[in-house]
């Protein structure tokens, strides 16, 4: 099969830990042909979507990959196209989803469904599952956020388009910087953000549960904050610890997973703190490398990239 990965610049990726690269290694191991491009290599010429892509192969040494000549192709020529461009979800990302939706209408298989990526904001989508979400508020109004803070005493505020823990603040009633933080977060009341009740269970980890074609992996990656830090994100210095799913994790992931599959969201990362669903990551969820490394010698080893490729091969069969 031929798989195309839409990625950030290859030299910006950490090849030893990047989830996209782990998936690509597994695809190579299984004999598939790989191609890569960046989001601006997808374009529309009159009514047809086209892609300028390079054949990709792994190599040894400091330069860990080799590229072939760039060639223009129809998206439908690939068995599947995996959209793995990292956020932020800005206008350029939005335009990419429009182009990929057109490509899908012209016969291409896009993973994840581009219209679903566009429709499932990673922070706001928890509102689709209120039975699992902590109390939250979405607004640009600083007075509403202050009232929410008075009600809950301890809250988190975060942007709707961030990743890796960027722009996240913890606020308590006695914080001397409430005004400055809210002015910065909402850009003086002009930018909508999310406030959530602070969950003390973050100290035991912000659990990343990977869901593939509607089914959760048996392990979550609990991202434990470093000392003095509120955020568990690995990019913010958190430590990832693979742990079996709890009964509550399984209930959340299977309930949400069914809806994800119905919407064409093939690879998703759920963020769960304690027993609460806090985010649904549909763009480029990570954590696969840490899970396989920490479970390979256990009684129940788990290779997420292999599980994904088996599922992807299944949906790509003619």
C-alpha atoms as a PDB file:
ATOM      1  CA  UNK A   1       0.000   0.000   0.000  1.00  0.00           C
ATOM      2  CA  UNK A   2       0.982   3.644  -0.477  1.00  0.00           C
ATOM      3  CA  UNK A   3       0.659   5.953   2.506  1.00  0.00           C
ATOM      4  CA  UNK A   4       1.161   9.710   2.454  1.00  0.00           C
ATOM      5  CA  UNK A   5       1.971  11.574   5.680  1.00  0.00           C
ATOM      6  CA  UNK A   6       1.333  15.305   5.907  1.00  0.00           C
ATOM      7  CA  UNK A   7       3.899  16.457   8.457  1.00  0.00           C
ATOM      8  CA  UNK A   8       5.744  19.417   9.840  1.00  0.00           C
ATOM      9  CA  UNK A   9       9.254  19.879   8.418  1.00  0.00           C
ATOM     10  CA  UNK A  10      11.104  16.577   8.824  1.00  0.00           C
ATOM     11  CA  UNK A  11      14.169  18.207  10.368  1.00  0.00           C
ATOM     12  CA  UNK A  12      11.949  19.654  13.114  1.00  0.00           C
ATOM     13  CA  UNK A  13      10.798  16.185  14.232  1.00  0.00           C
ATOM     14  CA  UNK A  14      12.534  14.198  16.976  1.00  0.00           C
ATOM     15  CA  UNK A  15      12.895  10.927  15.088  1.00  0.00           C
ATOM     16  CA  UNK A  16      13.543   8.877  18.249  1.00  0.00           C
ATOM     17  CA  UNK A  17      10.243   9.822  19.947  1.00  0.00           C
ATOM     18  CA  UNK A  18       7.866  11.239  17.337  1.00  0.00           C
ATOM     19  CA  UNK A  19       4.615   9.296  16.999  1.00  0.00           C
ATOM     20  CA  UNK A  20       4.305   9.955  13.247  1.00  0.00           C
ATOM     21  CA  UNK A  21       7.789   8.548  12.715  1.00  0.00           C
ATOM     22  CA  UNK A  22       6.929   5.496  14.827  1.00  0.00           C
ATOM     23  CA  UNK A  23       3.902   4.852  12.610  1.00  0.00           C
ATOM     24  CA  UNK A  24       6.043   5.280   9.503  1.00  0.00           C
ATOM     25  CA  UNK A  25       8.649   2.822  10.814  1.00  0.00           C
ATOM     26  CA  UNK A  26       5.926   0.258  11.394  1.00  0.00           C
ATOM     27  CA  UNK A  27       4.537   0.849   7.894  1.00  0.00           C
ATOM     28  CA  UNK A  28       8.017   0.295   6.422  1.00  0.00           C
ATOM     29  CA  UNK A  29       8.413  -2.879   8.479  1.00  0.00           C
ATOM     30  CA  UNK A  30       5.166  -4.143   6.947  1.00  0.00           C
ATOM     31  CA  UNK A  31       6.345  -3.447   3.399  1.00  0.00           C
ATOM     32  CA  UNK A  32       4.337  -0.362   2.553  1.00  0.00           C
ATOM     33  CA  UNK A  33       5.544   2.572   0.428  1.00  0.00           C
ATOM     34  CA  UNK A  34       5.795   5.933   2.176  1.00  0.00           C
ATOM     35  CA  UNK A  35       5.455   9.479   0.911  1.00  0.00           C
ATOM     36  CA  UNK A  36       5.640  12.791   2.768  1.00  0.00           C
ATOM     37  CA  UNK A  37       4.625  16.380   2.210  1.00  0.00           C
ATOM     38  CA  UNK A  38       3.792  19.515   4.180  1.00  0.00           C
ATOM     39  CA  UNK A  39       0.415  21.207   4.356  1.00  0.00           C
ATOM     40  CA  UNK A  40       1.197  23.773   1.666  1.00  0.00           C
ATOM     41  CA  UNK A  41       2.049  20.967  -0.769  1.00  0.00           C
ATOM     42  CA  UNK A  42      -1.689  20.297  -0.991  1.00  0.00           C
ATOM     43  CA  UNK A  43      -3.244  22.624  -3.561  1.00  0.00           C
ATOM     44  CA  UNK A  44      -6.281  23.111  -5.760  1.00  0.00           C
ATOM     45  CA  UNK A  45      -5.922  23.487  -9.527  1.00  0.00           C
ATOM     46  CA  UNK A  46      -9.332  24.438 -10.895  1.00  0.00           C
ATOM     47  CA  UNK A  47     -11.631  21.722  -9.533  1.00  0.00           C
ATOM     48  CA  UNK A  48      -8.956  19.100  -8.767  1.00  0.00           C
ATOM     49  CA  UNK A  49      -6.946  18.749  -5.578  1.00  0.00           C
ATOM     50  CA  UNK A  50      -3.322  17.843  -6.206  1.00  0.00           C
ATOM     51  CA  UNK A  51      -0.397  17.033  -3.908  1.00  0.00           C
ATOM     52  CA  UNK A  52       3.335  17.500  -4.413  1.00  0.00           C
ATOM     53  CA  UNK A  53       4.901  14.663  -2.416  1.00  0.00           C
ATOM     54  CA  UNK A  54       8.286  12.993  -2.017  1.00  0.00           C
ATOM     55  CA  UNK A  55       8.948   9.278  -1.690  1.00  0.00           C
ATOM     56  CA  UNK A  56      10.351   8.658   1.791  1.00  0.00           C
ATOM     57  CA  UNK A  57      12.677   6.004   3.219  1.00  0.00           C
ATOM     58  CA  UNK A  58      14.607   5.607   6.456  1.00  0.00           C
ATOM     59  CA  UNK A  59      18.391   5.629   6.512  1.00  0.00           C
ATOM     60  CA  UNK A  60      21.075   5.224   9.153  1.00  0.00           C
ATOM     61  CA  UNK A  61      23.329   7.957  10.434  1.00  0.00           C
ATOM     62  CA  UNK A  62      22.808  11.586  11.319  1.00  0.00           C
ATOM     63  CA  UNK A  63      20.528  12.080   8.319  1.00  0.00           C
ATOM     64  CA  UNK A  64      17.871   9.551   9.320  1.00  0.00           C
ATOM     65  CA  UNK A  65      15.814   9.757   6.128  1.00  0.00           C
ATOM     66  CA  UNK A  66      16.063   9.988   2.356  1.00  0.00           C
ATOM     67  CA  UNK A  67      13.657  11.692  -0.027  1.00  0.00           C
ATOM     68  CA  UNK A  68      12.938  11.055  -3.671  1.00  0.00           C
ATOM     69  CA  UNK A  69      12.099  13.673  -6.273  1.00  0.00           C
ATOM     70  CA  UNK A  70       8.928  15.675  -5.661  1.00  0.00           C
ATOM     71  CA  UNK A  71       6.079  14.397  -7.810  1.00  0.00           C
ATOM     72  CA  UNK A  72       2.585  15.742  -8.368  1.00  0.00           C
ATOM     73  CA  UNK A  73      -0.177  13.241  -7.639  1.00  0.00           C
ATOM     74  CA  UNK A  74      -3.903  12.964  -7.205  1.00  0.00           C
ATOM     75  CA  UNK A  75      -4.773  12.315  -3.544  1.00  0.00           C
ATOM     76  CA  UNK A  76      -6.774   9.249  -4.559  1.00  0.00           C
ATOM     77  CA  UNK A  77      -3.552   7.583  -5.795  1.00  0.00           C
ATOM     78  CA  UNK A  78      -2.590   6.895  -2.174  1.00  0.00           C
ATOM     79  CA  UNK A  79      -4.124   4.107  -0.106  1.00  0.00           C
ATOM     80  CA  UNK A  80      -4.551   6.628   2.700  1.00  0.00           C
ATOM     81  CA  UNK A  81      -3.378  10.127   3.591  1.00  0.00           C
ATOM     82  CA  UNK A  82      -2.560  10.703   7.247  1.00  0.00           C
ATOM     83  CA  UNK A  83      -2.923  14.343   8.325  1.00  0.00           C
ATOM     84  CA  UNK A  84      -0.289  14.697  11.075  1.00  0.00           C
ATOM     85  CA  UNK A  85       0.425  18.432  10.989  1.00  0.00           C
ATOM     86  CA  UNK A  86       0.752  19.749  14.531  1.00  0.00           C
ATOM     87  CA  UNK A  87      -1.421  22.610  15.812  1.00  0.00           C
ATOM     88  CA  UNK A  88      -1.937  25.499  16.274  1.00  0.00           C
ATOM     89  CA  UNK A  89      -5.221  25.225  14.453  1.00  0.00           C
ATOM     90  CA  UNK A  90      -4.872  28.553  12.647  1.00  0.00           C
ATOM     91  CA  UNK A  91      -6.357  29.746   9.368  1.00  0.00           C
ATOM     92  CA  UNK A  92      -3.758  27.832   7.347  1.00  0.00           C
ATOM     93  CA  UNK A  93      -4.721  24.614   9.129  1.00  0.00           C
ATOM     94  CA  UNK A  94      -8.381  25.442   8.487  1.00  0.00           C
ATOM     95  CA  UNK A  95      -7.718  25.910   4.768  1.00  0.00           C
ATOM     96  CA  UNK A  96      -5.908  22.556   4.704  1.00  0.00           C
ATOM     97  CA  UNK A  97      -9.014  20.830   6.055  1.00  0.00           C
ATOM     98  CA  UNK A  98     -11.091  22.395   3.273  1.00  0.00           C
ATOM     99  CA  UNK A  99      -8.674  21.146   0.610  1.00  0.00           C
ATOM    100  CA  UNK A 100      -8.506  17.692   2.154  1.00  0.00           C
ATOM    101  CA  UNK A 101     -12.293  17.534   2.368  1.00  0.00           C
ATOM    102  CA  UNK A 102     -12.432  18.251  -1.359  1.00  0.00           C
ATOM    103  CA  UNK A 103      -9.825  15.516  -1.880  1.00  0.00           C
ATOM    104  CA  UNK A 104     -11.995  13.138   0.116  1.00  0.00           C
ATOM    105  CA  UNK A 105     -14.969  13.966  -2.094  1.00  0.00           C
ATOM    106  CA  UNK A 106     -12.732  13.148  -5.083  1.00  0.00           C
ATOM    107  CA  UNK A 107     -12.033   9.642  -3.818  1.00  0.00           C
ATOM    108  CA  UNK A 108      -9.133  10.020  -1.367  1.00  0.00           C
ATOM    109  CA  UNK A 109      -9.105   8.353   2.058  1.00  0.00           C
ATOM    110  CA  UNK A 110      -8.052  10.957   4.631  1.00  0.00           C
ATOM    111  CA  UNK A 111      -7.141  10.025   8.214  1.00  0.00           C
ATOM    112  CA  UNK A 112      -8.568  11.760  10.217  1.00  0.00           C
ATOM    113  CA  UNK A 113     -11.721  12.903   8.422  1.00  0.00           C
ATOM    114  CA  UNK A 114     -10.911  16.560   7.608  1.00  0.00           C
ATOM    115  CA  UNK A 115     -14.435  17.850   8.231  1.00  0.00           C
ATOM    116  CA  UNK A 116     -14.422  16.111  11.622  1.00  0.00           C
ATOM    117  CA  UNK A 117     -11.021  17.610  12.470  1.00  0.00           C
ATOM    118  CA  UNK A 118     -12.537  20.992  11.682  1.00  0.00           C
ATOM    119  CA  UNK A 119     -15.681  20.294  13.679  1.00  0.00           C
ATOM    120  CA  UNK A 120     -14.075  18.821  16.807  1.00  0.00           C
ATOM    121  CA  UNK A 121     -12.150  21.582  18.545  1.00  0.00           C
ATOM    122  CA  UNK A 122      -9.820  19.787  20.933  1.00  0.00           C
ATOM    123  CA  UNK A 123     -10.971  21.762  23.974  1.00  0.00           C
ATOM    124  CA  UNK A 124     -14.633  22.417  23.120  1.00  0.00           C
ATOM    125  CA  UNK A 125     -15.410  18.831  22.111  1.00  0.00           C
ATOM    126  CA  UNK A 126     -15.679  17.722  25.737  1.00  0.00           C
ATOM    127  CA  UNK A 127     -19.073  19.500  25.642  1.00  0.00           C
ATOM    128  CA  UNK A 128     -20.291  16.592  23.491  1.00  0.00           C
ATOM    129  CA  UNK A 129     -19.827  14.339  26.542  1.00  0.00           C
ATOM    130  CA  UNK A 130     -21.012  16.386  29.537  1.00  0.00           C
ATOM    131  CA  UNK A 131     -21.362  13.264  31.680  1.00  0.00           C
ATOM    132  CA  UNK A 132     -17.556  12.931  31.702  1.00  0.00           C
ATOM    133  CA  UNK A 133     -16.423  16.572  31.717  1.00  0.00           C
ATOM    134  CA  UNK A 134     -15.476  18.698  34.737  1.00  0.00           C
ATOM    135  CA  UNK A 135     -17.242  22.025  35.216  1.00  0.00           C
ATOM    136  CA  UNK A 136     -16.065  24.460  32.545  1.00  0.00           C
ATOM    137  CA  UNK A 137     -16.715  27.854  31.011  1.00  0.00           C
ATOM    138  CA  UNK A 138     -15.940  29.073  27.494  1.00  0.00           C
ATOM    139  CA  UNK A 139     -15.885  32.843  27.076  1.00  0.00           C
ATOM    140  CA  UNK A 140     -13.799  35.943  26.414  1.00  0.00           C
ATOM    141  CA  UNK A 141     -15.572  37.823  29.213  1.00  0.00           C
ATOM    142  CA  UNK A 142     -13.200  38.378  32.130  1.00  0.00           C
ATOM    143  CA  UNK A 143     -16.033  39.094  34.561  1.00  0.00           C
ATOM    144  CA  UNK A 144     -17.607  35.706  33.818  1.00  0.00           C
ATOM    145  CA  UNK A 145     -14.267  34.006  34.388  1.00  0.00           C
ATOM    146  CA  UNK A 146     -13.824  35.832  37.704  1.00  0.00           C
ATOM    147  CA  UNK A 147     -17.289  34.630  38.782  1.00  0.00           C
ATOM    148  CA  UNK A 148     -16.349  31.091  37.764  1.00  0.00           C
ATOM    149  CA  UNK A 149     -13.176  31.411  39.842  1.00  0.00           C
ATOM    150  CA  UNK A 150     -15.134  32.602  42.884  1.00  0.00           C
ATOM    151  CA  UNK A 151     -17.465  29.622  42.503  1.00  0.00           C
ATOM    152  CA  UNK A 152     -14.763  26.959  42.138  1.00  0.00           C
ATOM    153  CA  UNK A 153     -11.878  28.603  44.069  1.00  0.00           C
ATOM    154  CA  UNK A 154      -9.217  26.938  41.905  1.00  0.00           C
ATOM    155  CA  UNK A 155      -9.342  26.832  38.087  1.00  0.00           C
ATOM    156  CA  UNK A 156      -7.331  26.306  34.915  1.00  0.00           C
ATOM    157  CA  UNK A 157      -7.555  28.733  31.982  1.00  0.00           C
ATOM    158  CA  UNK A 158      -6.306  27.722  28.532  1.00  0.00           C
ATOM    159  CA  UNK A 159      -6.496  28.795  24.882  1.00  0.00           C
ATOM    160  CA  UNK A 160      -8.737  26.882  22.488  1.00  0.00           C
ATOM    161  CA  UNK A 161      -6.050  26.386  19.842  1.00  0.00           C
ATOM    162  CA  UNK A 162      -2.912  25.505  21.799  1.00  0.00           C
ATOM    163  CA  UNK A 163      -0.894  22.311  22.208  1.00  0.00           C
ATOM    164  CA  UNK A 164       1.779  20.964  24.524  1.00  0.00           C
ATOM    165  CA  UNK A 165       0.501  22.944  27.497  1.00  0.00           C
ATOM    166  CA  UNK A 166       1.209  26.359  25.975  1.00  0.00           C
ATOM    167  CA  UNK A 167      -0.786  29.243  27.400  1.00  0.00           C
ATOM    168  CA  UNK A 168      -2.227  27.264  30.334  1.00  0.00           C
ATOM    169  CA  UNK A 169      -2.511  29.011  33.716  1.00  0.00           C
ATOM    170  CA  UNK A 170      -3.743  27.876  37.123  1.00  0.00           C
ATOM    171  CA  UNK A 171      -5.639  30.535  39.064  1.00  0.00           C
ATOM    172  CA  UNK A 172      -6.759  30.642  42.695  1.00  0.00           C
ATOM    173  CA  UNK A 173      -8.803  33.319  44.441  1.00  0.00           C
ATOM    174  CA  UNK A 174      -5.717  34.709  46.182  1.00  0.00           C
ATOM    175  CA  UNK A 175      -3.527  34.931  43.095  1.00  0.00           C
ATOM    176  CA  UNK A 176      -2.202  38.523  42.884  1.00  0.00           C
ATOM    177  CA  UNK A 177      -1.968  38.297  39.073  1.00  0.00           C
ATOM    178  CA  UNK A 178      -5.579  37.372  38.219  1.00  0.00           C
ATOM    179  CA  UNK A 179      -6.189  40.529  36.215  1.00  0.00           C
ATOM    180  CA  UNK A 180      -2.955  40.347  34.250  1.00  0.00           C
ATOM    181  CA  UNK A 181      -3.381  36.645  33.474  1.00  0.00           C
ATOM    182  CA  UNK A 182      -6.954  37.061  32.263  1.00  0.00           C
ATOM    183  CA  UNK A 183      -6.050  40.127  30.201  1.00  0.00           C
ATOM    184  CA  UNK A 184      -3.215  38.150  28.598  1.00  0.00           C
ATOM    185  CA  UNK A 185      -5.247  34.954  28.065  1.00  0.00           C
ATOM    186  CA  UNK A 186      -8.280  36.716  26.578  1.00  0.00           C
ATOM    187  CA  UNK A 187      -6.311  39.518  24.899  1.00  0.00           C
ATOM    188  CA  UNK A 188      -8.336  42.070  26.871  1.00  0.00           C
ATOM    189  CA  UNK A 189     -11.622  40.317  26.313  1.00  0.00           C
ATOM    190  CA  UNK A 190     -11.269  39.728  22.566  1.00  0.00           C
ATOM    191  CA  UNK A 191     -10.133  36.083  22.528  1.00  0.00           C
ATOM    192  CA  UNK A 192     -12.312  33.177  23.667  1.00  0.00           C
ATOM    193  CA  UNK A 193     -10.695  30.758  26.108  1.00  0.00           C
ATOM    194  CA  UNK A 194     -11.738  27.820  28.285  1.00  0.00           C
ATOM    195  CA  UNK A 195     -11.763  27.778  32.071  1.00  0.00           C
ATOM    196  CA  UNK A 196     -12.038  24.413  33.844  1.00  0.00           C
ATOM    197  CA  UNK A 197     -12.289  23.506  37.496  1.00  0.00           C
ATOM    198  CA  UNK A 198      -8.826  22.515  38.708  1.00  0.00           C
ATOM    199  CA  UNK A 199      -8.550  18.763  39.233  1.00  0.00           C
ATOM    200  CA  UNK A 200      -6.096  17.781  42.023  1.00  0.00           C
ATOM    201  CA  UNK A 201      -5.763  14.352  40.390  1.00  0.00           C
ATOM    202  CA  UNK A 202      -3.384  16.017  37.917  1.00  0.00           C
ATOM    203  CA  UNK A 203      -0.677  15.223  40.474  1.00  0.00           C
ATOM    204  CA  UNK A 204      -1.169  11.540  39.552  1.00  0.00           C
ATOM    205  CA  UNK A 205      -0.951  12.395  35.879  1.00  0.00           C
ATOM    206  CA  UNK A 206      -2.839  13.772  32.888  1.00  0.00           C
ATOM    207  CA  UNK A 207      -3.691  10.470  31.207  1.00  0.00           C
ATOM    208  CA  UNK A 208      -3.417  10.258  27.416  1.00  0.00           C
ATOM    209  CA  UNK A 209      -5.673   7.452  26.166  1.00  0.00           C
ATOM    210  CA  UNK A 210      -5.082   6.588  22.509  1.00  0.00           C
ATOM    211  CA  UNK A 211      -8.188   5.490  20.601  1.00  0.00           C
ATOM    212  CA  UNK A 212      -7.712   3.748  17.245  1.00  0.00           C
ATOM    213  CA  UNK A 213     -10.746   3.201  15.017  1.00  0.00           C
ATOM    214  CA  UNK A 214     -13.016   3.514  18.044  1.00  0.00           C
ATOM    215  CA  UNK A 215     -11.070   1.146  20.325  1.00  0.00           C
ATOM    216  CA  UNK A 216      -8.837   2.356  23.188  1.00  0.00           C
ATOM    217  CA  UNK A 217      -5.398   0.914  23.772  1.00  0.00           C
ATOM    218  CA  UNK A 218      -5.115  -1.075  27.023  1.00  0.00           C
ATOM    219  CA  UNK A 219      -2.632   1.450  28.443  1.00  0.00           C
ATOM    220  CA  UNK A 220      -2.795   5.173  29.058  1.00  0.00           C
ATOM    221  CA  UNK A 221       0.276   7.374  29.209  1.00  0.00           C
ATOM    222  CA  UNK A 222      -0.020   9.265  32.495  1.00  0.00           C
ATOM    223  CA  UNK A 223       1.914  12.496  32.090  1.00  0.00           C
ATOM    224  CA  UNK A 224       2.980  13.513  35.569  1.00  0.00           C
ATOM    225  CA  UNK A 225       3.889  17.177  36.176  1.00  0.00           C
ATOM    226  CA  UNK A 226       7.389  17.999  37.337  1.00  0.00           C
ATOM    227  CA  UNK A 227       7.776  19.562  40.774  1.00  0.00           C
ATOM    228  CA  UNK A 228       6.215  23.007  40.999  1.00  0.00           C
ATOM    229  CA  UNK A 229       4.385  22.651  37.685  1.00  0.00           C
ATOM    230  CA  UNK A 230       0.638  22.373  37.010  1.00  0.00           C
ATOM    231  CA  UNK A 231       0.896  21.026  33.470  1.00  0.00           C
ATOM    232  CA  UNK A 232       1.604  17.360  32.813  1.00  0.00           C
ATOM    233  CA  UNK A 233       2.354  17.747  29.101  1.00  0.00           C
ATOM    234  CA  UNK A 234       5.605  16.107  28.043  1.00  0.00           C
ATOM    235  CA  UNK A 235       6.493  19.292  26.168  1.00  0.00           C
ATOM    236  CA  UNK A 236       6.189  21.150  29.486  1.00  0.00           C
ATOM    237  CA  UNK A 237       8.566  18.783  31.290  1.00  0.00           C
ATOM    238  CA  UNK A 238       6.098  16.127  32.428  1.00  0.00           C
ATOM    239  CA  UNK A 239       7.125  12.492  32.839  1.00  0.00           C
ATOM    240  CA  UNK A 240       5.180   9.863  30.908  1.00  0.00           C
ATOM    241  CA  UNK A 241       4.264   6.660  32.739  1.00  0.00           C
ATOM    242  CA  UNK A 242       2.365   3.875  30.946  1.00  0.00           C
ATOM    243  CA  UNK A 243      -0.401   2.414  33.109  1.00  0.00           C
ATOM    244  CA  UNK A 244      -3.375   0.108  32.497  1.00  0.00           C
ATOM    245  CA  UNK A 245      -6.720   1.783  31.943  1.00  0.00           C
ATOM    246  CA  UNK A 246      -8.968   2.055  34.991  1.00  0.00           C
ATOM    247  CA  UNK A 247     -12.635   1.017  34.809  1.00  0.00           C
ATOM    248  CA  UNK A 248     -13.588   4.685  34.496  1.00  0.00           C
ATOM    249  CA  UNK A 249     -10.987   5.201  31.742  1.00  0.00           C
ATOM    250  CA  UNK A 250     -12.490   2.282  29.827  1.00  0.00           C
ATOM    251  CA  UNK A 251     -16.032   3.644  30.213  1.00  0.00           C
ATOM    252  CA  UNK A 252     -14.983   7.069  28.942  1.00  0.00           C
ATOM    253  CA  UNK A 253     -12.848   5.761  26.078  1.00  0.00           C
ATOM    254  CA  UNK A 254     -15.334   3.194  24.770  1.00  0.00           C
ATOM    255  CA  UNK A 255     -18.280   5.614  24.960  1.00  0.00           C
ATOM    256  CA  UNK A 256     -16.364   8.410  23.252  1.00  0.00           C
ATOM    257  CA  UNK A 257     -14.632   5.993  20.876  1.00  0.00           C
ATOM    258  CA  UNK A 258     -17.921   4.828  19.370  1.00  0.00           C
ATOM    259  CA  UNK A 259     -18.825   8.413  18.441  1.00  0.00           C
ATOM    260  CA  UNK A 260     -15.313   9.135  17.165  1.00  0.00           C
ATOM    261  CA  UNK A 261     -15.496   6.167  14.791  1.00  0.00           C
ATOM    262  CA  UNK A 262     -18.916   7.249  13.516  1.00  0.00           C
ATOM    263  CA  UNK A 263     -17.380  10.624  12.643  1.00  0.00           C
ATOM    264  CA  UNK A 264     -14.342   9.234  10.814  1.00  0.00           C
ATOM    265  CA  UNK A 265     -11.897  10.113  13.593  1.00  0.00           C
ATOM    266  CA  UNK A 266      -9.549   7.159  13.268  1.00  0.00           C
ATOM    267  CA  UNK A 267      -6.687   8.173  15.586  1.00  0.00           C
ATOM    268  CA  UNK A 268      -7.525  10.277  18.637  1.00  0.00           C
ATOM    269  CA  UNK A 269      -5.911  11.043  21.977  1.00  0.00           C
ATOM    270  CA  UNK A 270      -8.251  11.516  24.933  1.00  0.00           C
ATOM    271  CA  UNK A 271      -6.948  13.461  27.925  1.00  0.00           C
ATOM    272  CA  UNK A 272      -8.333  12.257  31.246  1.00  0.00           C
ATOM    273  CA  UNK A 273      -7.492  13.656  34.679  1.00  0.00           C
ATOM    274  CA  UNK A 274      -8.758  11.454  37.491  1.00  0.00           C
ATOM    275  CA  UNK A 275     -12.212  10.429  36.284  1.00  0.00           C
ATOM    276  CA  UNK A 276     -12.791  13.451  34.039  1.00  0.00           C
ATOM    277  CA  UNK A 277     -12.410  13.935  30.285  1.00  0.00           C
ATOM    278  CA  UNK A 278     -10.618  17.248  29.704  1.00  0.00           C
ATOM    279  CA  UNK A 279      -9.641  17.242  25.994  1.00  0.00           C
ATOM    280  CA  UNK A 280     -10.183  15.277  22.778  1.00  0.00           C
ATOM    281  CA  UNK A 281      -7.091  15.542  20.560  1.00  0.00           C
ATOM    282  CA  UNK A 282      -7.941  14.903  16.901  1.00  0.00           C
ATOM    283  CA  UNK A 283      -5.039  16.567  15.086  1.00  0.00           C
ATOM    284  CA  UNK A 284      -1.760  14.758  15.845  1.00  0.00           C
ATOM    285  CA  UNK A 285      -2.011  12.832  19.131  1.00  0.00           C
ATOM    286  CA  UNK A 286       1.253  11.482  20.527  1.00  0.00           C
ATOM    287  CA  UNK A 287       2.456   9.045  23.192  1.00  0.00           C
ATOM    288  CA  UNK A 288       2.955   5.865  21.175  1.00  0.00           C
ATOM    289  CA  UNK A 289       6.728   5.604  21.593  1.00  0.00           C
ATOM    290  CA  UNK A 290       6.586   5.892  25.385  1.00  0.00           C
ATOM    291  CA  UNK A 291       3.875   3.222  25.651  1.00  0.00           C
ATOM    292  CA  UNK A 292       5.689   0.628  23.551  1.00  0.00           C
ATOM    293  CA  UNK A 293       8.996   1.283  25.351  1.00  0.00           C
ATOM    294  CA  UNK A 294       7.479   0.848  28.807  1.00  0.00           C
ATOM    295  CA  UNK A 295       5.294  -2.184  28.094  1.00  0.00           C
ATOM    296  CA  UNK A 296       7.462  -4.307  25.793  1.00  0.00           C
ATOM    297  CA  UNK A 297       8.731  -6.468  28.682  1.00  0.00           C
ATOM    298  CA  UNK A 298       5.404  -6.674  30.526  1.00  0.00           C
ATOM    299  CA  UNK A 299       2.836  -9.482  30.547  1.00  0.00           C
ATOM    300  CA  UNK A 300       0.723  -7.423  28.150  1.00  0.00           C
ATOM    301  CA  UNK A 301       3.080  -5.680  25.702  1.00  0.00           C
ATOM    302  CA  UNK A 302       1.478  -2.977  23.586  1.00  0.00           C
ATOM    303  CA  UNK A 303       2.767  -1.600  20.290  1.00  0.00           C
ATOM    304  CA  UNK A 304       0.386   1.246  19.345  1.00  0.00           C
ATOM    305  CA  UNK A 305       1.946   1.780  15.913  1.00  0.00           C
ATOM    306  CA  UNK A 306       1.429  -1.879  15.030  1.00  0.00           C
ATOM    307  CA  UNK A 307      -2.183  -1.777  16.248  1.00  0.00           C
ATOM    308  CA  UNK A 308      -2.772   1.322  14.160  1.00  0.00           C
ATOM    309  CA  UNK A 309      -1.253  -0.164  11.006  1.00  0.00           C
ATOM    310  CA  UNK A 310      -3.315  -3.352  11.326  1.00  0.00           C
ATOM    311  CA  UNK A 311      -6.465  -1.242  11.666  1.00  0.00           C
ATOM    312  CA  UNK A 312      -5.428   1.039   8.788  1.00  0.00           C
ATOM    313  CA  UNK A 313      -4.712  -1.912   6.508  1.00  0.00           C
ATOM    314  CA  UNK A 314      -8.172  -3.200   7.369  1.00  0.00           C
ATOM    315  CA  UNK A 315      -9.993  -0.047   6.276  1.00  0.00           C
ATOM    316  CA  UNK A 316      -7.813   0.292   3.155  1.00  0.00           C
ATOM    317  CA  UNK A 317      -8.583  -3.159   1.780  1.00  0.00           C
ATOM    318  CA  UNK A 318     -10.372  -2.898  -1.586  1.00  0.00           C
END
